[in-house]
Structures are given as C-alpha cells and as structure tokens.
Amino acid sequence: MEYLLRERSATVADWYELTRVNFWRDDLLYVYLRELYDYFYGGREEPPESPDDVPPLGYEV
C-alpha cells in the first residue's frame, strides 16, 4: 500500500477492474487510499467513506 500511495501507479480504471468500486477521479482514489492506510496503520479511528462515484453535475470528466 505504501508503494501504491508513493508511486500513484493505479488509475481509477485499474482500481475498478480489481475491486468493482468506482472513483471518478484519481485524486479522490488516492485520498481514500491514504485515509484507509491511516485507518489500518496510523491513528485514524474510523474507516473512511468512499466518495461518491458519480461526478457532480456540470463536471466534465
């Protein structure tokens, strides 16, 4: 997980293929992964919530 966070080598498409969980932007995926890492290995007490998998109205992907 540290490698993935450091290198940011996975895209949202890669993540979806592996997990069937959709993120609509890479940066949201990595925020979630950082929060998940902090939950597993750091001091975060609550698991993170996945961001909405649908972009807001008017946002161009």
N, C-alpha and C. Protein backbone atom coordinates (compact mmCIF):
# COMPACT_ATOMS: atom_id res chain seq x y z
N MET A 1 0.82 -1.18 0.00
CA MET A 1 0.00 0.00 0.00
C MET A 1 0.87 1.26 0.00
N GLU A 2 1.99 1.20 0.72
CA GLU A 2 2.90 2.34 0.71
C GLU A 2 3.42 2.63 -0.69
N TYR A 3 3.77 1.57 -1.42
CA TYR A 3 4.24 1.73 -2.80
C TYR A 3 3.17 2.38 -3.66
N LEU A 4 1.96 1.91 -3.54
CA LEU A 4 0.86 2.45 -4.34
C LEU A 4 0.64 3.92 -4.03
N LEU A 5 0.68 4.29 -2.77
CA LEU A 5 0.50 5.69 -2.40
C LEU A 5 1.67 6.55 -2.87
N ARG A 6 2.86 6.02 -2.80
CA ARG A 6 4.05 6.78 -3.20
C ARG A 6 4.11 6.95 -4.72
N GLU A 7 3.89 5.88 -5.45
CA GLU A 7 4.05 5.90 -6.90
C GLU A 7 2.79 6.34 -7.66
N ARG A 8 1.63 6.22 -7.00
CA ARG A 8 0.34 6.55 -7.65
C ARG A 8 0.24 5.86 -9.01
N SER A 9 0.55 4.58 -9.01
CA SER A 9 0.65 3.84 -10.26
C SER A 9 -0.68 3.28 -10.76
N ALA A 10 -1.70 3.31 -9.95
CA ALA A 10 -3.01 2.79 -10.36
C ALA A 10 -3.93 3.94 -10.76
N THR A 11 -4.73 3.69 -11.77
CA THR A 11 -5.74 4.66 -12.18
C THR A 11 -7.09 4.21 -11.63
N VAL A 12 -8.09 5.08 -11.77
CA VAL A 12 -9.43 4.69 -11.32
C VAL A 12 -9.93 3.49 -12.13
N ALA A 13 -9.52 3.39 -13.38
CA ALA A 13 -9.92 2.23 -14.20
C ALA A 13 -9.28 0.96 -13.67
N ASP A 14 -8.01 1.03 -13.29
CA ASP A 14 -7.34 -0.13 -12.70
C ASP A 14 -8.03 -0.55 -11.41
N TRP A 15 -8.34 0.43 -10.57
CA TRP A 15 -8.96 0.14 -9.28
C TRP A 15 -10.34 -0.51 -9.49
N TYR A 16 -11.09 0.01 -10.45
CA TYR A 16 -12.41 -0.56 -10.72
C TYR A 16 -12.28 -2.01 -11.21
N GLU A 17 -11.32 -2.26 -12.06
CA GLU A 17 -11.13 -3.62 -12.58
C GLU A 17 -10.81 -4.61 -11.46
N LEU A 18 -10.05 -4.16 -10.48
CA LEU A 18 -9.67 -5.02 -9.36
C LEU A 18 -10.77 -5.17 -8.31
N THR A 19 -11.51 -4.10 -8.05
CA THR A 19 -12.42 -4.09 -6.89
C THR A 19 -13.89 -3.91 -7.23
N ARG A 20 -14.17 -3.44 -8.44
CA ARG A 20 -15.53 -3.08 -8.86
C ARG A 20 -16.08 -1.90 -8.05
N VAL A 21 -15.16 -1.11 -7.49
CA VAL A 21 -15.52 0.13 -6.80
C VAL A 21 -15.06 1.27 -7.69
N ASN A 22 -15.97 2.18 -8.01
CA ASN A 22 -15.71 3.23 -8.97
C ASN A 22 -15.40 4.55 -8.28
N PHE A 23 -14.32 5.17 -8.68
CA PHE A 23 -13.99 6.55 -8.32
C PHE A 23 -13.96 7.33 -9.62
N TRP A 24 -14.36 8.57 -9.60
CA TRP A 24 -14.43 9.32 -10.85
C TRP A 24 -13.22 10.20 -11.09
N ARG A 25 -12.30 10.27 -10.13
CA ARG A 25 -11.04 11.00 -10.33
C ARG A 25 -9.94 10.28 -9.56
N ASP A 26 -8.75 10.26 -10.14
CA ASP A 26 -7.62 9.61 -9.49
C ASP A 26 -7.31 10.23 -8.14
N ASP A 27 -7.39 11.56 -8.03
CA ASP A 27 -7.04 12.19 -6.76
C ASP A 27 -7.98 11.76 -5.63
N LEU A 28 -9.25 11.53 -5.94
CA LEU A 28 -10.18 11.04 -4.91
C LEU A 28 -9.84 9.62 -4.49
N LEU A 29 -9.41 8.81 -5.43
CA LEU A 29 -8.98 7.46 -5.10
C LEU A 29 -7.81 7.50 -4.12
N TYR A 30 -6.84 8.37 -4.39
CA TYR A 30 -5.65 8.40 -3.54
C TYR A 30 -5.91 9.05 -2.19
N VAL A 31 -6.84 9.98 -2.11
CA VAL A 31 -7.26 10.50 -0.80
C VAL A 31 -7.87 9.36 0.01
N TYR A 32 -8.74 8.60 -0.62
CA TYR A 32 -9.38 7.47 0.06
C TYR A 32 -8.33 6.44 0.51
N LEU A 33 -7.40 6.11 -0.36
CA LEU A 33 -6.37 5.12 -0.02
C LEU A 33 -5.49 5.61 1.12
N ARG A 34 -5.16 6.90 1.13
CA ARG A 34 -4.36 7.46 2.23
C ARG A 34 -5.14 7.35 3.54
N GLU A 35 -6.43 7.69 3.51
CA GLU A 35 -7.26 7.60 4.71
C GLU A 35 -7.40 6.14 5.16
N LEU A 36 -7.51 5.23 4.22
CA LEU A 36 -7.59 3.82 4.55
C LEU A 36 -6.28 3.34 5.17
N TYR A 37 -5.16 3.76 4.62
CA TYR A 37 -3.86 3.42 5.17
C TYR A 37 -3.75 3.94 6.61
N ASP A 38 -4.17 5.18 6.82
CA ASP A 38 -4.12 5.76 8.17
C ASP A 38 -5.03 5.01 9.13
N TYR A 39 -6.12 4.48 8.64
CA TYR A 39 -7.03 3.68 9.48
C TYR A 39 -6.38 2.36 9.86
N PHE A 40 -5.75 1.70 8.91
CA PHE A 40 -5.12 0.40 9.18
C PHE A 40 -3.83 0.54 10.00
N TYR A 41 -3.01 1.52 9.68
CA TYR A 41 -1.66 1.58 10.23
C TYR A 41 -1.36 2.83 11.05
N GLY A 42 -2.24 3.81 11.01
CA GLY A 42 -1.99 5.06 11.73
C GLY A 42 -2.97 5.24 12.86
N GLY A 43 -3.23 6.47 13.18
CA GLY A 43 -4.09 6.78 14.31
C GLY A 43 -5.54 7.04 13.97
N ARG A 44 -5.93 6.84 12.72
CA ARG A 44 -7.32 7.11 12.35
C ARG A 44 -8.23 6.09 13.02
N GLU A 45 -9.27 6.58 13.70
CA GLU A 45 -10.14 5.69 14.46
C GLU A 45 -11.32 5.15 13.67
N GLU A 46 -11.77 5.88 12.68
CA GLU A 46 -12.93 5.47 11.88
C GLU A 46 -12.49 5.14 10.45
N PRO A 47 -13.08 4.12 9.84
CA PRO A 47 -12.75 3.85 8.44
C PRO A 47 -13.27 4.97 7.55
N PRO A 48 -12.57 5.24 6.47
CA PRO A 48 -13.03 6.32 5.57
C PRO A 48 -14.26 5.89 4.78
N GLU A 49 -15.01 6.88 4.38
CA GLU A 49 -16.15 6.63 3.49
C GLU A 49 -15.68 6.85 2.06
N SER A 50 -16.12 5.98 1.17
CA SER A 50 -15.79 6.17 -0.24
C SER A 50 -16.51 7.41 -0.75
N PRO A 51 -15.82 8.22 -1.54
CA PRO A 51 -16.50 9.37 -2.16
C PRO A 51 -17.55 8.89 -3.15
N ASP A 52 -18.46 9.77 -3.48
CA ASP A 52 -19.46 9.44 -4.50
C ASP A 52 -18.76 9.01 -5.77
N ASP A 53 -19.31 7.98 -6.42
CA ASP A 53 -18.69 7.50 -7.65
C ASP A 53 -19.21 8.21 -8.89
N VAL A 54 -20.07 9.20 -8.70
CA VAL A 54 -20.64 9.96 -9.81
C VAL A 54 -20.18 11.41 -9.68
N PRO A 55 -19.62 11.99 -10.74
CA PRO A 55 -19.18 13.38 -10.64
C PRO A 55 -20.37 14.32 -10.46
N PRO A 56 -20.13 15.47 -9.85
CA PRO A 56 -21.20 16.45 -9.68
C PRO A 56 -21.69 16.95 -11.03
N LEU A 57 -22.92 17.41 -11.06
CA LEU A 57 -23.48 17.96 -12.31
C LEU A 57 -22.60 19.09 -12.82
N GLY A 58 -22.39 19.10 -14.11
CA GLY A 58 -21.59 20.14 -14.74
C GLY A 58 -20.10 19.86 -14.76
N TYR A 59 -19.67 18.79 -14.09
CA TYR A 59 -18.25 18.46 -14.10
C TYR A 59 -17.94 17.63 -15.33
N GLU A 60 -16.92 18.07 -16.07
CA GLU A 60 -16.52 17.32 -17.26
C GLU A 60 -15.36 16.41 -16.91
N VAL A 61 -15.54 15.11 -17.14
CA VAL A 61 -14.51 14.12 -16.83
C VAL A 61 -13.48 14.11 -17.92
